[in-house]
Protein backbone atom coordinates (compact mmCIF):
# COMPACT_ATOMS: atom_id res chain seq x y z
CA MET A 1 -18.08 -19.00 15.31
CA SER A 2 -14.48 -18.38 14.21
CA PHE A 3 -12.18 -15.85 15.81
CA HIS A 4 -12.43 -12.51 13.97
CA ALA A 5 -9.87 -9.72 14.02
CA SER A 6 -10.51 -6.19 12.80
CA ILE A 7 -7.25 -4.36 12.10
CA LEU A 8 -7.32 -0.57 11.80
CA THR A 9 -4.27 0.60 9.90
CA LEU A 10 -2.89 3.16 7.50
CA TYR A 11 -1.22 0.32 5.60
CA PRO A 12 -3.76 -2.45 4.96
CA ASP A 13 -1.48 -4.09 2.39
CA MET A 14 0.81 -5.17 5.25
CA PHE A 15 -1.73 -7.89 6.11
CA PRO A 16 -1.91 -10.83 6.28
CA GLY A 17 1.88 -10.79 5.82
CA SER A 18 3.41 -13.65 7.78
CA LEU A 19 -0.05 -14.46 9.13
CA GLY A 20 -0.82 -15.92 5.73
CA GLN A 21 1.89 -18.56 6.15
CA SER A 22 2.48 -21.70 8.24
CA LEU A 23 0.05 -22.47 11.09
CA ALA A 24 -1.76 -19.13 10.97
CA GLY A 25 -2.06 -19.26 7.18
CA ARG A 26 -3.49 -22.76 7.13
CA ALA A 27 -5.90 -21.82 9.91
CA LEU A 28 -6.94 -18.79 7.88
CA GLU A 29 -7.64 -20.98 4.86
CA ARG A 30 -9.72 -23.35 6.98
CA GLY A 31 -11.70 -20.50 8.46
CA ASP A 32 -10.48 -21.13 12.01
CA TRP A 33 -10.00 -17.37 12.14
CA THR A 34 -10.83 -14.44 9.88
CA TYR A 35 -9.64 -10.88 9.63
CA GLU A 36 -10.51 -7.59 7.98
CA THR A 37 -8.40 -4.50 7.49
CA VAL A 38 -10.00 -1.11 7.97
CA ALA A 39 -8.11 1.68 6.22
CA ILE A 40 -7.98 4.61 8.64
CA ARG A 41 -7.31 7.00 5.76
CA ASP A 42 -10.76 6.22 4.33
CA PHE A 43 -12.08 8.32 7.21
CA GLY A 44 -9.60 11.17 6.74
CA GLU A 45 -10.60 14.82 6.50
CA GLY A 46 -10.65 16.96 3.36
CA LYS A 47 -9.51 16.26 -0.16
CA HIS A 48 -6.17 14.99 1.10
CA ALA A 49 -7.81 12.63 3.61
CA ASN A 50 -5.79 14.01 6.51
CA VAL A 51 -5.56 11.65 9.47
CA ASP A 52 -3.09 13.51 11.69
CA ASP A 53 -2.27 16.98 13.00
CA THR A 54 0.34 18.79 15.07
CA PRO A 55 0.36 18.03 18.80
CA ALA A 56 -1.47 20.46 21.07
CA GLY A 57 1.05 22.27 23.23
CA GLY A 58 3.80 21.81 20.68
CA GLY A 59 6.36 19.11 20.23
CA ALA A 60 7.86 16.94 17.52
CA GLY A 61 5.93 14.68 15.18
CA MET A 62 2.25 14.39 14.42
CA VAL A 63 -0.70 12.90 16.31
CA LEU A 64 -3.46 10.66 14.92
CA ARG A 65 -6.71 12.60 15.13
CA ALA A 66 -9.49 11.54 17.50
CA ASP A 67 -12.33 12.31 15.09
CA VAL A 68 -10.81 10.30 12.26
CA LEU A 69 -9.88 7.28 14.35
CA GLY A 70 -13.18 7.43 16.25
CA GLN A 71 -15.13 7.09 13.01
CA ALA A 72 -12.94 4.17 11.87
CA ILE A 73 -13.46 2.34 15.17
CA ASP A 74 -17.23 2.91 15.06
CA ALA A 75 -17.39 1.54 11.52
CA ALA A 76 -15.56 -1.65 12.49
CA SER A 77 -17.00 -2.16 15.96
CA PRO A 78 -20.63 -1.24 16.74
CA SER A 79 -21.68 -0.51 20.32
CA ASP A 80 -22.79 -4.11 20.95
CA ASP A 81 -19.42 -5.57 19.87
CA ALA A 82 -18.02 -7.44 22.87
CA ARG A 83 -14.53 -7.86 21.42
CA PRO A 84 -11.65 -6.12 23.24
CA ARG A 85 -10.48 -2.92 21.57
CA LEU A 86 -6.69 -2.80 21.57
CA LEU A 87 -4.13 -0.14 20.70
CA MET A 88 -0.61 -1.38 20.02
CA SER A 89 1.52 1.07 21.97
CA PRO A 90 4.97 1.05 23.65
CA ARG A 91 3.38 2.62 26.73
CA GLY A 92 0.84 -0.18 27.10
CA LYS A 93 0.87 -3.07 29.53
CA PRO A 94 3.35 -5.77 28.46
CA LEU A 95 1.72 -8.61 26.55
CA THR A 96 1.81 -11.88 28.48
CA GLN A 97 0.95 -15.46 27.59
CA ASN A 98 -1.93 -15.35 30.06
CA ARG A 99 -3.41 -12.32 28.30
CA VAL A 100 -2.95 -14.04 24.93
CA ARG A 101 -4.92 -17.02 26.23
CA GLU A 102 -7.71 -14.70 27.35
CA PHE A 103 -7.88 -13.16 23.87
CA ALA A 104 -7.85 -16.60 22.21
CA ALA A 105 -10.80 -17.70 24.35
CA GLY A 106 -12.95 -14.85 23.02
CA GLU A 107 -14.73 -14.06 19.76
CA GLY A 108 -11.97 -11.86 18.42
CA VAL A 109 -10.25 -8.51 18.82
CA LEU A 110 -10.17 -5.06 17.29
CA ILE A 111 -6.62 -3.78 16.92
CA VAL A 112 -5.63 -0.18 16.24
CA CYS A 113 -2.19 0.15 14.69
CA GLY A 114 -0.75 3.43 15.88
CA ARG A 115 1.48 5.64 13.76
CA PHE A 116 3.25 8.99 14.03
CA GLU A 117 4.00 10.37 17.51
CA GLY A 118 0.89 8.84 19.05
CA VAL A 119 -2.90 8.82 19.22
CA ASP A 120 -5.14 11.56 20.59
CA GLN A 121 -5.85 10.56 24.20
CA ARG A 122 -9.52 11.45 23.86
CA VAL A 123 -10.25 8.61 21.46
CA ILE A 124 -8.31 6.18 23.66
CA ASP A 125 -10.55 7.13 26.57
CA ALA A 126 -13.84 7.47 24.67
CA ARG A 127 -13.53 4.18 22.81
CA ASN A 128 -12.05 2.22 25.72
CA LEU A 129 -8.84 1.25 23.94
CA GLU A 130 -6.60 -1.10 25.93
CA GLU A 131 -2.98 -0.21 25.22
CA VAL A 132 -0.80 -3.27 24.66
CA SER A 133 3.00 -3.38 24.34
CA ILE A 134 5.08 -6.20 22.88
CA GLY A 135 8.34 -4.86 24.34
CA ASP A 136 10.38 -1.93 25.56
CA TYR A 137 11.38 -0.59 22.16
CA ILE A 138 9.90 1.63 19.46
CA LEU A 139 8.59 0.46 16.07
CA SER A 140 7.66 2.57 13.06
CA GLY A 141 4.03 1.63 13.61
CA GLY A 142 1.69 -0.84 15.22
CA GLU A 143 1.34 -3.20 12.26
CA VAL A 144 4.29 -5.42 13.18
CA ALA A 145 3.12 -5.49 16.80
CA ALA A 146 -0.40 -6.43 15.67
CA THR A 147 1.05 -9.28 13.62
CA VAL A 148 2.96 -10.54 16.66
CA LEU A 149 -0.16 -10.38 18.81
CA LEU A 150 -2.32 -12.21 16.27
CA ASP A 151 0.30 -14.88 15.67
CA ALA A 152 0.41 -15.56 19.42
CA ILE A 153 -3.39 -15.74 19.59
CA VAL A 154 -4.13 -17.79 16.48
CA ARG A 155 -1.78 -20.65 17.38
CA LEU A 156 -3.83 -21.18 20.55
CA LEU A 157 -7.19 -21.42 18.80
CA PRO A 158 -8.75 -24.91 18.87
CA GLY A 159 -7.38 -27.19 16.17
CA VAL A 160 -4.66 -24.83 14.94
CA MET A 161 -1.75 -26.72 16.47
CA GLY A 162 -1.56 -30.37 15.49
CA ASN A 163 -0.97 -31.30 19.12
CA ASP A 164 -2.88 -29.02 21.49
CA VAL A 165 -0.65 -30.21 24.35
CA SER A 166 2.20 -28.31 22.66
CA GLY A 167 0.69 -25.08 23.88
CA THR A 168 1.01 -26.10 27.51
CA HIS A 169 4.71 -27.03 27.35
CA GLU A 170 6.24 -23.75 26.25
CA SER A 171 8.02 -20.73 27.65
CA PHE A 172 5.92 -18.54 29.96
CA GLU A 173 3.53 -21.35 30.83
CA ASN A 174 3.64 -21.58 34.64
CA ASP A 175 5.98 -18.55 34.56
CA LEU A 176 8.97 -20.62 33.43
CA LEU A 177 11.10 -20.58 30.30
CA GLU A 178 11.06 -23.73 28.23
CA HIS A 179 13.69 -26.42 28.78
CA PRO A 180 16.34 -27.21 26.09
CA HIS A 181 15.42 -29.49 23.20
CA TYR A 182 17.44 -32.14 21.36
CA THR A 183 16.97 -34.46 18.39
CA ARG A 184 19.00 -36.66 16.03
CA PRO A 185 21.88 -37.21 15.53
CA ALA A 186 22.62 -38.64 18.98
CA VAL A 187 26.12 -37.10 18.85
CA TRP A 188 26.90 -33.90 16.95
CA GLU A 189 30.41 -32.39 16.81
CA GLY A 190 31.30 -34.36 19.91
CA HIS A 191 28.23 -33.24 21.86
CA ALA A 192 25.80 -35.97 22.93
CA ILE A 193 22.14 -35.71 23.82
CA PRO A 194 21.78 -35.75 27.64
CA GLU A 195 21.60 -39.38 28.66
CA VAL A 196 18.40 -38.96 30.68
CA LEU A 197 16.46 -38.04 27.52
CA THR A 198 17.23 -41.38 25.91
CA SER A 199 16.67 -43.43 29.09
CA GLY A 200 12.98 -44.07 28.51
CA ASN A 201 12.31 -43.12 32.13
CA HIS A 202 9.50 -40.58 31.72
CA LYS A 203 9.50 -39.55 35.37
CA LYS A 204 13.20 -38.73 35.32
CA ILE A 205 12.81 -36.95 31.98
CA ALA A 206 10.03 -34.79 33.41
CA GLU A 207 12.16 -34.00 36.46
CA TRP A 208 15.14 -33.07 34.26
CA GLN A 209 13.00 -30.82 32.06
CA ARG A 210 11.57 -29.07 35.10
CA GLU A 211 15.01 -28.52 36.63
CA GLN A 212 16.34 -27.14 33.35
CA SER A 213 13.38 -24.77 33.03
CA GLU A 214 13.89 -23.47 36.55
CA THR A 215 17.65 -23.03 36.04
CA LEU A 216 17.22 -21.19 32.75
CA THR A 217 14.50 -18.96 34.13
CA GLN A 218 16.55 -18.07 37.22
CA ALA A 219 19.53 -17.14 35.03
CA ARG A 220 17.71 -15.24 32.30
CA ARG A 221 14.39 -14.07 33.76
CA PRO A 222 14.58 -13.81 37.55
CA ASP A 223 11.51 -11.55 37.36
CA LEU A 224 9.47 -14.59 36.32
CA ILE A 225 10.79 -16.57 39.27
CA ALA A 226 9.73 -13.75 41.60
CA LYS A 227 6.31 -13.61 39.95
CA ARG A 228 5.91 -17.37 40.25
CA GLN A 229 6.87 -17.29 43.92
CA LYS A 230 4.24 -14.62 44.62
CA THR A 231 1.63 -16.82 42.95
CA LEU A 232 2.69 -19.83 45.04
CA ASP A 233 2.64 -17.74 48.23
CA LYS A 234 -0.94 -16.65 47.50
CA ASP A 235 -1.98 -20.27 47.06
């Protein structure tokens, strides 16, 4: 069974977008994964298909209605659907590579793309939506975030990457950033490839790559070093 994503959005024409290109696009053509867009506005109220209303208690912006979104979720995901139900939200838990791997190991996901000021909390609670954030910044809506999430997932599905080992030698695997990469020409603008990489000594190459990863991570993401140390201490 291929991985299936249900994307609830006010802008279904935004998909597949970049997901229709490169690795994800070829995987889509092969049927390694499938997706459907569910137009939230199809479940809107009244002749204008309203999907939002003013926030209770006052405040700026509009809020996506619980009744409208609840119906859309129920249409895309029956009660026996085991797929995680996700809401792309800046207040969600930060997306990690470990969580991406967990999603990729499953049957698929349902993703709600938020818009406006937010989503009525009642539907988040009643439909068990897991809020997921791709970073500490605000987007116009959840569609771009959903694309990022799906791109991260799809590349880990079996057979999508030409070399499955590639997925285990990247940033955030083992809580380290990836080491620097080099290729031809051997010398460019007076800068040579590090000699160890052309030595043919695979042990020394592996040691160099590890040292570089640790140095980069310490300089740029000390939080990952701290997290890694906690994991090692537990072991």
